[in-house]
Amino acid sequence: PFIITNRLSCICWSHDDQLIAVGS
């Protein structure tokens, strides 16, 4: 409903750089 919802995304990598976690 609001474009601000997608604006607040965040990223982190696993320590072996094999996986990427994204919160959106």
PDB file of all heavy atoms in Angstrom:
ATOM      1  N   PRO A   1       0.810  -1.233   0.000  1.00  0.00           N
ATOM      2  CA  PRO A   1       0.000   0.000   0.000  1.00  0.00           C
ATOM      3  C   PRO A   1       0.826   1.259   0.000  1.00  0.00           C
ATOM      4  O   PRO A   1       0.362   2.292  -0.435  1.00  0.00           O
ATOM      5  CB  PRO A   1      -0.815  -0.125   1.300  1.00  0.00           C
ATOM      6  CG  PRO A   1       0.008  -1.028   2.177  1.00  0.00           C
ATOM      7  CD  PRO A   1       0.688  -1.978   1.249  1.00  0.00           C
ATOM      8  N   PHE A   2       2.071   1.192   0.497  1.00  0.00           N
ATOM      9  CA  PHE A   2       2.899   2.389   0.571  1.00  0.00           C
ATOM     10  C   PHE A   2       4.262   2.068  -0.021  1.00  0.00           C
ATOM     11  O   PHE A   2       4.840   1.024   0.243  1.00  0.00           O
ATOM     12  CB  PHE A   2       3.049   2.857   2.021  1.00  0.00           C
ATOM     13  CG  PHE A   2       1.743   3.111   2.697  1.00  0.00           C
ATOM     14  CD1 PHE A   2       1.229   2.191   3.596  1.00  0.00           C
ATOM     15  CD2 PHE A   2       1.014   4.258   2.432  1.00  0.00           C
ATOM     16  CE1 PHE A   2       0.028   2.416   4.222  1.00  0.00           C
ATOM     17  CE2 PHE A   2      -0.191   4.491   3.060  1.00  0.00           C
ATOM     18  CZ  PHE A   2      -0.694   3.569   3.952  1.00  0.00           C
ATOM     19  N   ILE A   3       4.796   2.987  -0.776  1.00  0.00           N
ATOM     20  CA  ILE A   3       6.116   2.770  -1.365  1.00  0.00           C
ATOM     21  C   ILE A   3       7.206   2.747  -0.296  1.00  0.00           C
ATOM     22  O   ILE A   3       8.256   2.147  -0.477  1.00  0.00           O
ATOM     23  CB  ILE A   3       6.408   3.863  -2.416  1.00  0.00           C
ATOM     24  CG1 ILE A   3       7.654   3.495  -3.233  1.00  0.00           C
ATOM     25  CG2 ILE A   3       6.622   5.209  -1.741  1.00  0.00           C
ATOM     26  CD1 ILE A   3       7.881   4.395  -4.426  1.00  0.00           C
ATOM     27  N   ILE A   4       6.918   3.360   0.864  1.00  0.00           N
ATOM     28  CA  ILE A   4       7.902   3.364   1.939  1.00  0.00           C
ATOM     29  C   ILE A   4       8.181   1.954   2.431  1.00  0.00           C
ATOM     30  O   ILE A   4       9.227   1.649   2.997  1.00  0.00           O
ATOM     31  CB  ILE A   4       7.408   4.258   3.096  1.00  0.00           C
ATOM     32  CG1 ILE A   4       8.543   4.517   4.111  1.00  0.00           C
ATOM     33  CG2 ILE A   4       6.239   3.625   3.820  1.00  0.00           C
ATOM     34  CD1 ILE A   4       9.627   5.367   3.565  1.00  0.00           C
ATOM     35  N   THR A   5       7.247   1.009   2.220  1.00  0.00           N
ATOM     36  CA  THR A   5       7.424  -0.363   2.661  1.00  0.00           C
ATOM     37  C   THR A   5       8.646  -0.987   2.023  1.00  0.00           C
ATOM     38  O   THR A   5       9.431  -1.680   2.663  1.00  0.00           O
ATOM     39  CB  THR A   5       6.163  -1.186   2.328  1.00  0.00           C
ATOM     40  OG1 THR A   5       5.045  -0.574   2.943  1.00  0.00           O
ATOM     41  CG2 THR A   5       6.305  -2.609   2.826  1.00  0.00           C
ATOM     42  N   ASN A   6       8.838  -0.789   0.735  1.00  0.00           N
ATOM     43  CA  ASN A   6       9.974  -1.380   0.052  1.00  0.00           C
ATOM     44  C   ASN A   6      11.261  -0.590   0.286  1.00  0.00           C
ATOM     45  O   ASN A   6      12.344  -1.090   0.047  1.00  0.00           O
ATOM     46  CB  ASN A   6       9.701  -1.447  -1.454  1.00  0.00           C
ATOM     47  CG  ASN A   6       8.735  -2.560  -1.805  1.00  0.00           C
ATOM     48  OD1 ASN A   6       8.595  -3.511  -1.047  1.00  0.00           O
ATOM     49  ND2 ASN A   6       8.068  -2.432  -2.933  1.00  0.00           N
ATOM     50  N   ARG A   7      11.125   0.647   0.717  1.00  0.00           N
ATOM     51  CA  ARG A   7      12.315   1.478   0.885  1.00  0.00           C
ATOM     52  C   ARG A   7      13.204   0.931   1.994  1.00  0.00           C
ATOM     53  O   ARG A   7      14.420   1.007   1.926  1.00  0.00           O
ATOM     54  CB  ARG A   7      11.881   2.913   1.199  1.00  0.00           C
ATOM     55  CG  ARG A   7      13.040   3.877   1.318  1.00  0.00           C
ATOM     56  CD  ARG A   7      12.522   5.261   1.656  1.00  0.00           C
ATOM     57  NE  ARG A   7      11.750   5.838   0.574  1.00  0.00           N
ATOM     58  CZ  ARG A   7      12.263   6.550  -0.428  1.00  0.00           C
ATOM     59  NH1 ARG A   7      13.561   6.750  -0.489  1.00  0.00           N
ATOM     60  NH2 ARG A   7      11.492   7.044  -1.364  1.00  0.00           N
ATOM     61  N   LEU A   8      12.615   0.352   3.027  1.00  0.00           N
ATOM     62  CA  LEU A   8      13.384  -0.105   4.163  1.00  0.00           C
ATOM     63  C   LEU A   8      13.806  -1.567   3.991  1.00  0.00           C
ATOM     64  O   LEU A   8      13.306  -2.457   4.659  1.00  0.00           O
ATOM     65  CB  LEU A   8      12.578   0.062   5.449  1.00  0.00           C
ATOM     66  CG  LEU A   8      12.320   1.498   5.868  1.00  0.00           C
ATOM     67  CD1 LEU A   8      11.326   1.550   7.009  1.00  0.00           C
ATOM     68  CD2 LEU A   8      13.602   2.187   6.262  1.00  0.00           C
ATOM     69  N   SER A   9      14.703  -1.813   3.078  1.00  0.00           N
ATOM     70  CA  SER A   9      15.247  -3.162   2.909  1.00  0.00           C
ATOM     71  C   SER A   9      16.643  -3.213   3.513  1.00  0.00           C
ATOM     72  O   SER A   9      17.279  -2.187   3.739  1.00  0.00           O
ATOM     73  CB  SER A   9      15.292  -3.549   1.425  1.00  0.00           C
ATOM     74  OG  SER A   9      16.138  -2.659   0.718  1.00  0.00           O
ATOM     75  N   CYS A  10      17.105  -4.407   3.797  1.00  0.00           N
ATOM     76  CA  CYS A  10      18.422  -4.589   4.398  1.00  0.00           C
ATOM     77  C   CYS A  10      19.014  -5.909   3.927  1.00  0.00           C
ATOM     78  O   CYS A  10      18.293  -6.839   3.557  1.00  0.00           O
ATOM     79  CB  CYS A  10      18.339  -4.531   5.924  1.00  0.00           C
ATOM     80  SG  CYS A  10      16.895  -5.350   6.612  1.00  0.00           S
ATOM     81  N   ILE A  11      20.355  -5.976   3.946  1.00  0.00           N
ATOM     82  CA  ILE A  11      21.083  -7.121   3.390  1.00  0.00           C
ATOM     83  C   ILE A  11      22.149  -7.568   4.369  1.00  0.00           C
ATOM     84  O   ILE A  11      22.739  -6.745   5.081  1.00  0.00           O
ATOM     85  CB  ILE A  11      21.773  -6.763   2.050  1.00  0.00           C
ATOM     86  CG1 ILE A  11      20.802  -6.075   1.093  1.00  0.00           C
ATOM     87  CG2 ILE A  11      22.372  -7.994   1.382  1.00  0.00           C
ATOM     88  CD1 ILE A  11      21.476  -5.545  -0.158  1.00  0.00           C
ATOM     89  N   CYS A  12      22.408  -8.871   4.405  1.00  0.00           N
ATOM     90  CA  CYS A  12      23.593  -9.390   5.081  1.00  0.00           C
ATOM     91  C   CYS A  12      24.057 -10.664   4.369  1.00  0.00           C
ATOM     92  O   CYS A  12      23.265 -11.361   3.741  1.00  0.00           O
ATOM     93  CB  CYS A  12      23.326  -9.660   6.570  1.00  0.00           C
ATOM     94  SG  CYS A  12      22.106 -10.921   6.902  1.00  0.00           S
ATOM     95  N   TRP A  13      25.359 -10.940   4.464  1.00  0.00           N
ATOM     96  CA  TRP A  13      25.985 -12.093   3.835  1.00  0.00           C
ATOM     97  C   TRP A  13      26.310 -13.151   4.880  1.00  0.00           C
ATOM     98  O   TRP A  13      26.630 -12.822   6.028  1.00  0.00           O
ATOM     99  CB  TRP A  13      27.284 -11.694   3.136  1.00  0.00           C
ATOM    100  CG  TRP A  13      27.141 -10.896   1.876  1.00  0.00           C
ATOM    101  CD1 TRP A  13      26.810  -9.576   1.783  1.00  0.00           C
ATOM    102  CD2 TRP A  13      27.340 -11.347   0.539  1.00  0.00           C
ATOM    103  NE1 TRP A  13      26.798  -9.177   0.478  1.00  0.00           N
ATOM    104  CE2 TRP A  13      27.127 -10.249  -0.323  1.00  0.00           C
ATOM    105  CE3 TRP A  13      27.703 -12.567  -0.033  1.00  0.00           C
ATOM    106  CZ2 TRP A  13      27.250 -10.334  -1.693  1.00  0.00           C
ATOM    107  CZ3 TRP A  13      27.828 -12.661  -1.401  1.00  0.00           C
ATOM    108  CH2 TRP A  13      27.588 -11.561  -2.230  1.00  0.00           C
ATOM    109  N   SER A  14      26.240 -14.430   4.457  1.00  0.00           N
ATOM    110  CA  SER A  14      26.773 -15.485   5.318  1.00  0.00           C
ATOM    111  C   SER A  14      28.287 -15.346   5.355  1.00  0.00           C
ATOM    112  O   SER A  14      28.893 -14.747   4.459  1.00  0.00           O
ATOM    113  CB  SER A  14      26.371 -16.864   4.795  1.00  0.00           C
ATOM    114  OG  SER A  14      26.919 -17.088   3.502  1.00  0.00           O
ATOM    115  N   HIS A  15      28.933 -15.914   6.351  1.00  0.00           N
ATOM    116  CA  HIS A  15      30.366 -15.699   6.531  1.00  0.00           C
ATOM    117  C   HIS A  15      31.206 -16.428   5.486  1.00  0.00           C
ATOM    118  O   HIS A  15      32.371 -16.071   5.284  1.00  0.00           O
ATOM    119  CB  HIS A  15      30.786 -16.103   7.944  1.00  0.00           C
ATOM    120  CG  HIS A  15      30.222 -15.208   9.002  1.00  0.00           C
ATOM    121  ND1 HIS A  15      30.792 -14.000   9.342  1.00  0.00           N
ATOM    122  CD2 HIS A  15      29.113 -15.315   9.780  1.00  0.00           C
ATOM    123  CE1 HIS A  15      30.074 -13.412  10.276  1.00  0.00           C
ATOM    124  NE2 HIS A  15      29.043 -14.193  10.559  1.00  0.00           N
ATOM    125  N   ASP A  16      30.642 -17.413   4.817  1.00  0.00           N
ATOM    126  CA  ASP A  16      31.363 -18.074   3.718  1.00  0.00           C
ATOM    127  C   ASP A  16      31.032 -17.464   2.365  1.00  0.00           C
ATOM    128  O   ASP A  16      31.477 -17.969   1.323  1.00  0.00           O
ATOM    129  CB  ASP A  16      31.066 -19.570   3.712  1.00  0.00           C
ATOM    130  CG  ASP A  16      29.573 -19.868   3.562  1.00  0.00           C
ATOM    131  OD1 ASP A  16      28.773 -18.910   3.411  1.00  0.00           O
ATOM    132  OD2 ASP A  16      29.201 -21.049   3.607  1.00  0.00           O
ATOM    133  N   ASP A  17      30.236 -16.387   2.335  1.00  0.00           N
ATOM    134  CA  ASP A  17      29.875 -15.655   1.109  1.00  0.00           C
ATOM    135  C   ASP A  17      29.085 -16.504   0.118  1.00  0.00           C
ATOM    136  O   ASP A  17      29.038 -16.183  -1.074  1.00  0.00           O
ATOM    137  CB  ASP A  17      31.127 -15.092   0.416  1.00  0.00           C
ATOM    138  CG  ASP A  17      31.733 -13.933   1.173  1.00  0.00           C
ATOM    139  OD1 ASP A  17      31.009 -13.323   1.984  1.00  0.00           O
ATOM    140  OD2 ASP A  17      32.926 -13.642   0.966  1.00  0.00           O
ATOM    141  N   GLN A  18      28.433 -17.550   0.587  1.00  0.00           N
ATOM    142  CA  GLN A  18      27.651 -18.400  -0.299  1.00  0.00           C
ATOM    143  C   GLN A  18      26.175 -18.015  -0.334  1.00  0.00           C
ATOM    144  O   GLN A  18      25.480 -18.302  -1.305  1.00  0.00           O
ATOM    145  CB  GLN A  18      27.775 -19.875   0.134  1.00  0.00           C
ATOM    146  CG  GLN A  18      29.186 -20.426   0.076  1.00  0.00           C
ATOM    147  CD  GLN A  18      29.758 -20.374  -1.323  1.00  0.00           C
ATOM    148  OE1 GLN A  18      29.124 -20.808  -2.295  1.00  0.00           O
ATOM    149  NE2 GLN A  18      30.968 -19.840  -1.440  1.00  0.00           N
ATOM    150  N   LEU A  19      25.696 -17.349   0.710  1.00  0.00           N
ATOM    151  CA  LEU A  19      24.280 -17.013   0.808  1.00  0.00           C
ATOM    152  C   LEU A  19      24.118 -15.529   1.117  1.00  0.00           C
ATOM    153  O   LEU A  19      24.963 -14.917   1.777  1.00  0.00           O
ATOM    154  CB  LEU A  19      23.596 -17.838   1.905  1.00  0.00           C
ATOM    155  CG  LEU A  19      23.639 -19.358   1.755  1.00  0.00           C
ATOM    156  CD1 LEU A  19      23.033 -20.026   2.984  1.00  0.00           C
ATOM    157  CD2 LEU A  19      22.918 -19.812   0.492  1.00  0.00           C
ATOM    158  N   ILE A  20      23.017 -14.964   0.621  1.00  0.00           N
ATOM    159  CA  ILE A  20      22.672 -13.563   0.871  1.00  0.00           C
ATOM    160  C   ILE A  20      21.273 -13.525   1.470  1.00  0.00           C
ATOM    161  O   ILE A  20      20.325 -14.059   0.877  1.00  0.00           O
ATOM    162  CB  ILE A  20      22.708 -12.724  -0.415  1.00  0.00           C
ATOM    163  CG1 ILE A  20      24.067 -12.845  -1.108  1.00  0.00           C
ATOM    164  CG2 ILE A  20      22.389 -11.270  -0.123  1.00  0.00           C
ATOM    165  CD1 ILE A  20      24.104 -12.187  -2.471  1.00  0.00           C
ATOM    166  N   ALA A  21      21.135 -12.897   2.630  1.00  0.00           N
ATOM    167  CA  ALA A  21      19.822 -12.731   3.256  1.00  0.00           C
ATOM    168  C   ALA A  21      19.350 -11.301   3.024  1.00  0.00           C
ATOM    169  O   ALA A  21      20.087 -10.349   3.278  1.00  0.00           O
ATOM    170  CB  ALA A  21      19.896 -13.029   4.747  1.00  0.00           C
ATOM    171  N   VAL A  22      18.118 -11.171   2.540  1.00  0.00           N
ATOM    172  CA  VAL A  22      17.545  -9.855   2.230  1.00  0.00           C
ATOM    173  C   VAL A  22      16.212  -9.735   2.953  1.00  0.00           C
ATOM    174  O   VAL A  22      15.346 -10.603   2.829  1.00  0.00           O
ATOM    175  CB  VAL A  22      17.344  -9.666   0.716  1.00  0.00           C
ATOM    176  CG1 VAL A  22      16.663  -8.327   0.433  1.00  0.00           C
ATOM    177  CG2 VAL A  22      18.666  -9.761  -0.018  1.00  0.00           C
ATOM    178  N   GLY A  23      16.073  -8.658   3.731  1.00  0.00           N
ATOM    179  CA  GLY A  23      14.802  -8.361   4.367  1.00  0.00           C
ATOM    180  C   GLY A  23      14.124  -7.223   3.643  1.00  0.00           C
ATOM    181  O   GLY A  23      14.653  -6.121   3.554  1.00  0.00           O
ATOM    182  N   SER A  24      12.953  -7.490   3.107  1.00  0.00           N
ATOM    183  CA  SER A  24      12.200  -6.480   2.372  1.00  0.00           C
ATOM    184  C   SER A  24      10.745  -6.574   2.785  1.00  0.00           C
ATOM    185  O   SER A  24      10.156  -7.663   2.759  1.00  0.00           O
ATOM    186  CB  SER A  24      12.340  -6.693   0.862  1.00  0.00           C
ATOM    187  OG  SER A  24      11.622  -5.716   0.142  1.00  0.00           O
TER     188      SER A  24
END
